[in-house]
Protein backbone atom coordinates (compact mmCIF):
# COMPACT_ATOMS: atom_id res chain seq x y z
CA MET A 1 -19.65 -1.21 -39.84
CA LYS A 2 -15.88 -0.11 -40.15
CA ARG A 3 -15.03 2.84 -37.76
CA THR A 4 -11.74 4.41 -38.78
CA ASN A 5 -9.98 5.74 -35.36
CA LYS A 6 -6.88 7.56 -36.58
CA ILE A 7 -6.80 9.77 -33.57
CA VAL A 8 -5.97 7.17 -31.25
CA SER A 9 -2.16 7.35 -32.06
CA HIS A 10 -2.73 10.96 -30.55
CA LEU A 11 -4.21 9.84 -27.20
CA GLY A 12 -1.41 8.19 -25.61
CA GLY A 13 -3.30 8.02 -22.45
CA PHE A 14 -6.05 6.31 -23.76
CA SER A 15 -4.29 3.11 -24.32
CA SER A 16 -5.08 2.02 -20.78
CA GLY A 17 -8.12 4.57 -20.62
CA SER A 18 -7.17 5.63 -17.08
CA SER A 19 -7.07 9.22 -18.08
CA LEU A 20 -10.90 8.88 -18.88
CA GLY A 21 -11.88 8.04 -15.08
CA GLY A 22 -14.83 6.21 -14.63
CA LYS A 23 -15.20 2.48 -13.90
CA VAL A 24 -14.01 -0.67 -15.52
CA SER A 25 -16.28 -3.52 -15.92
CA ARG A 26 -15.98 -7.04 -17.23
CA TYR A 27 -18.51 -8.40 -19.63
CA ARG A 28 -19.30 -12.05 -20.74
CA LYS A 29 -19.40 -12.89 -24.34
CA LYS A 30 -23.14 -12.17 -25.61
CA GLN A 31 -23.75 -10.15 -22.26
CA ASN A 32 -26.05 -6.89 -22.82
CA ILE A 33 -24.39 -3.82 -21.90
CA TYR A 34 -27.35 -1.71 -22.43
CA THR A 35 -30.70 -1.99 -24.37
CA GLN A 36 -32.25 0.36 -26.74
CA GLY A 37 -34.68 2.65 -24.95
CA ALA A 38 -32.84 2.72 -21.60
CA PRO A 39 -31.72 5.89 -19.92
CA ALA A 40 -28.46 7.39 -21.52
CA ASP A 41 -26.22 9.18 -19.05
CA THR A 42 -23.05 7.47 -19.73
CA LEU A 43 -20.75 6.67 -22.43
CA PHE A 44 -18.37 3.76 -22.91
CA TYR A 45 -14.64 3.07 -24.14
CA ILE A 46 -13.47 -0.43 -25.19
CA GLN A 47 -10.32 -1.52 -23.54
CA GLU A 48 -10.46 -5.07 -24.52
CA GLY A 49 -12.74 -7.06 -26.55
CA ALA A 50 -15.54 -6.19 -29.23
CA VAL A 51 -19.18 -4.91 -29.15
CA TRP A 52 -21.90 -4.79 -31.46
CA LEU A 53 -24.75 -2.28 -31.44
CA THR A 54 -28.03 -3.31 -32.84
CA THR A 55 -31.16 -1.11 -33.73
CA ARG A 56 -34.93 -2.05 -34.11
CA THR A 57 -37.94 -0.27 -35.35
CA LYS A 58 -41.63 -0.89 -34.92
CA HIS A 59 -41.98 -2.76 -38.07
CA GLN A 60 -38.49 -4.07 -38.90
CA PRO A 61 -36.30 -6.75 -37.05
CA SER A 62 -33.03 -5.61 -35.26
CA ALA A 63 -30.19 -4.42 -37.67
CA VAL A 64 -26.69 -4.09 -37.05
CA THR A 65 -25.50 -0.65 -37.08
CA ALA A 66 -21.99 -0.99 -35.65
CA ILE A 67 -19.15 -3.35 -34.82
CA LEU A 68 -16.75 -1.88 -32.35
CA GLY A 69 -13.05 -2.82 -30.88
CA VAL A 70 -10.53 -1.71 -28.80
CA ASN A 71 -10.08 2.07 -28.59
CA ASP A 72 -13.73 2.70 -29.81
CA PHE A 73 -16.22 4.81 -27.77
CA PHE A 74 -19.97 3.96 -27.92
CA GLY A 75 -23.30 5.45 -26.13
CA GLU A 76 -21.86 8.65 -27.21
CA LEU A 77 -25.24 10.22 -28.57
CA CYS A 78 -26.01 11.20 -24.65
CA LEU A 79 -23.41 13.76 -25.35
CA ALA A 80 -25.73 15.38 -28.16
CA GLY A 81 -28.66 15.32 -25.76
CA TYR A 82 -30.28 12.05 -26.51
CA SER A 83 -31.81 10.73 -23.19
CA LEU A 84 -32.53 7.35 -24.25
CA ARG A 85 -30.39 4.77 -25.67
CA MET A 86 -31.00 4.69 -29.54
CA SER A 87 -29.58 1.16 -29.87
CA THR A 88 -28.85 -2.03 -28.00
CA ALA A 89 -25.16 -2.97 -27.11
CA VAL A 90 -23.96 -6.51 -26.74
CA ALA A 91 -20.42 -7.86 -25.83
CA LEU A 92 -19.32 -9.89 -29.07
CA THR A 93 -16.63 -11.28 -27.05
CA ALA A 94 -15.54 -11.12 -23.46
CA CYS A 95 -14.86 -7.56 -22.84
CA SER A 96 -13.44 -4.85 -20.33
CA ILE A 97 -15.05 -1.81 -20.76
CA ARG A 98 -14.81 1.62 -19.16
CA THR A 99 -18.00 3.61 -18.04
CA ILE A 100 -17.79 7.46 -18.07
CA LYS A 101 -20.29 9.69 -16.90
CA LYS A 102 -21.73 12.03 -19.34
CA GLU A 103 -20.90 15.13 -17.14
CA LYS A 104 -17.30 14.02 -16.71
CA MET A 105 -16.91 13.57 -20.53
CA LEU A 106 -18.51 17.25 -21.28
CA GLN A 107 -15.95 18.77 -18.88
CA MET A 108 -13.38 17.07 -20.67
CA LEU A 109 -14.47 18.23 -23.95
CA ARG A 110 -14.79 21.95 -22.62
CA LYS A 111 -11.07 21.97 -21.93
CA LYS A 112 -9.03 23.31 -24.89
CA ASN A 113 -6.05 21.07 -25.00
CA LYS A 114 -5.01 18.07 -27.08
CA THR A 115 -6.96 15.56 -25.62
CA SER A 116 -10.15 17.58 -26.04
CA ASN A 117 -9.60 18.44 -29.48
CA SER A 118 -8.84 14.53 -30.26
CA LEU A 119 -11.97 13.56 -28.61
CA VAL A 120 -14.02 16.11 -30.78
CA ALA A 121 -12.39 14.63 -34.01
CA TYR A 122 -13.37 11.18 -32.81
CA LEU A 123 -17.08 12.26 -32.37
CA LEU A 124 -17.03 13.99 -35.71
CA SER A 125 -15.49 10.75 -37.37
CA SER A 126 -18.29 8.68 -35.80
CA VAL A 127 -20.98 10.84 -37.25
CA ARG A 128 -19.27 10.43 -40.90
CA ASN A 129 -18.95 6.35 -40.29
CA TYR A 130 -22.49 6.10 -39.49
CA ARG A 131 -23.53 8.00 -42.56
CA ASP A 132 -20.99 5.74 -44.59
CA HIS A 133 -22.47 2.65 -43.07
CA VAL A 134 -25.92 3.70 -44.16
CA ALA A 135 -24.56 4.13 -47.81
CA GLN A 136 -22.87 0.85 -47.77
CA LEU A 137 -26.21 -0.91 -46.75
CA LEU A 138 -27.73 0.79 -49.87
CA THR A 139 -24.96 -0.01 -52.23
CA SER A 140 -23.04 -3.02 -51.17
CA SER A 141 -23.91 -6.67 -51.77
CA ALA A 142 -24.56 -9.34 -49.00
CA GLU A 143 -21.14 -10.64 -49.68
CA GLN A 144 -19.27 -7.30 -49.59
CA ARG A 145 -20.98 -6.55 -46.36
CA LEU A 146 -19.76 -10.11 -44.92
CA ALA A 147 -16.27 -9.11 -46.11
CA ARG A 148 -16.65 -5.80 -44.19
CA VAL A 149 -17.63 -7.41 -41.01
CA LEU A 150 -14.72 -10.10 -40.90
CA LEU A 151 -12.25 -7.10 -41.68
CA ARG A 152 -13.73 -5.00 -39.02
CA LEU A 153 -13.42 -7.81 -36.61
CA ALA A 154 -9.90 -8.36 -37.57
CA HIS A 155 -9.40 -4.70 -36.83
CA SER A 156 -7.84 -4.48 -40.43
CA ASP A 157 -7.72 -0.33 -40.32
CA LYS A 158 -5.38 -0.64 -37.11
CA ASN A 159 -3.69 -3.78 -37.75
CA ARG A 160 -1.64 -4.30 -40.95
CA ARG A 161 -0.49 -7.85 -40.44
CA ALA A 162 -1.21 -10.19 -43.38
CA ALA A 163 -3.73 -12.29 -41.30
CA VAL A 164 -5.29 -11.90 -38.16
CA GLU A 165 -7.25 -14.66 -35.90
CA ILE A 166 -10.61 -13.45 -34.91
CA PRO A 167 -13.39 -14.89 -32.36
CA ILE A 168 -15.36 -17.75 -34.18
CA LEU A 169 -18.87 -16.68 -34.70
CA SER A 170 -21.69 -18.87 -35.72
CA HIS A 171 -23.17 -18.24 -39.44
CA LYS A 172 -26.30 -17.09 -37.70
CA VAL A 173 -24.70 -14.44 -35.85
CA LEU A 174 -22.78 -13.25 -39.04
CA ALA A 175 -26.17 -13.23 -41.07
CA GLU A 176 -27.67 -10.96 -38.50
CA MET A 177 -24.49 -8.88 -38.71
CA VAL A 178 -24.86 -8.74 -42.54
CA GLY A 179 -28.66 -8.63 -43.05
CA THR A 180 -28.78 -11.96 -44.94
CA THR A 181 -29.52 -15.40 -44.47
CA ARG A 182 -27.46 -18.08 -42.93
CA PRO A 183 -27.14 -20.36 -46.15
CA ARG A 184 -25.70 -17.12 -48.12
CA VAL A 185 -23.50 -16.56 -45.33
CA ASN A 186 -22.18 -20.40 -45.51
CA LEU A 187 -21.99 -19.83 -49.40
CA PHE A 188 -19.97 -16.63 -49.21
CA MET A 189 -17.36 -18.07 -46.31
CA ASN A 190 -16.91 -21.26 -48.31
CA ARG A 191 -16.06 -18.83 -51.44
CA PHE A 192 -13.83 -16.96 -49.29
CA ARG A 193 -11.97 -19.90 -48.00
CA LYS A 194 -11.56 -21.21 -51.41
CA ARG A 195 -10.12 -18.17 -52.76
CA GLY A 196 -7.62 -18.04 -49.85
CA PHE A 197 -8.99 -15.04 -48.04
CA ILE A 198 -9.68 -16.57 -44.88
CA ASN A 199 -8.73 -19.94 -42.97
CA TYR A 200 -11.55 -21.50 -41.16
CA ASN A 201 -10.50 -24.91 -39.86
CA GLY A 202 -11.34 -24.85 -35.94
CA ARG A 203 -10.30 -20.97 -35.75
CA LEU A 204 -11.17 -18.11 -38.08
CA GLU A 205 -7.91 -16.44 -39.68
CA VAL A 206 -8.86 -13.19 -41.79
CA HIS A 207 -6.14 -12.22 -44.30
CA GLN A 208 -5.69 -8.76 -45.85
CA SER A 209 -6.42 -10.05 -49.51
CA LEU A 210 -10.19 -10.23 -48.51
CA ARG A 211 -10.25 -6.60 -49.36
CA LYS A 212 -10.43 -7.63 -52.81
CA VAL A 213 -14.08 -8.41 -52.44
CA LEU A 214 -14.58 -4.72 -51.71
CA ARG A 215 -13.08 -3.82 -55.08
CA ASN A 216 -15.48 -6.06 -56.99
CA ARG A 217 -18.35 -3.75 -57.65
């Protein structure tokens, strides 16, 4: 899921996260940050690394609902009165994450200043992006969903370099993110490489040209 965060440029103090207060913790790759159903009284801000959120239902396997990177918040539903986590958060790579108490963030939101306005804008954009993600699941092909995952991991909305190296992920993990099978991910990855959209030889490099896949509807 692509989360556009245009407000980060307005939150100069958030580049380090120090103005948010709270505690900074390190997480290993694949380490759980919290699990669905756990008490929700904090939210999180990613300073380094990437995180993915998955949600399960009684009769369906877990589905990826968001892929987050540097300068993203998660766990923010606690601000809307949700007492339990609605998803499971797992470190996609090694991460440095700041934990902020719900009460502290609510105090910041009540202040009428540039920072509080930007925080409100971020939370509203999160709602919009979750809605867009659901629409993408209904209207996009598995190939397009894979392209979106790779572009999101490359922070293509924040980084305009022609090509960006991203963490190597197994095709099984990518299949779980996209909601398809490992053989189909292998097929699409080979297709992307042949078309010059990615380099995949000991490291994974994503090119901006991969966006062409999203326009082929």
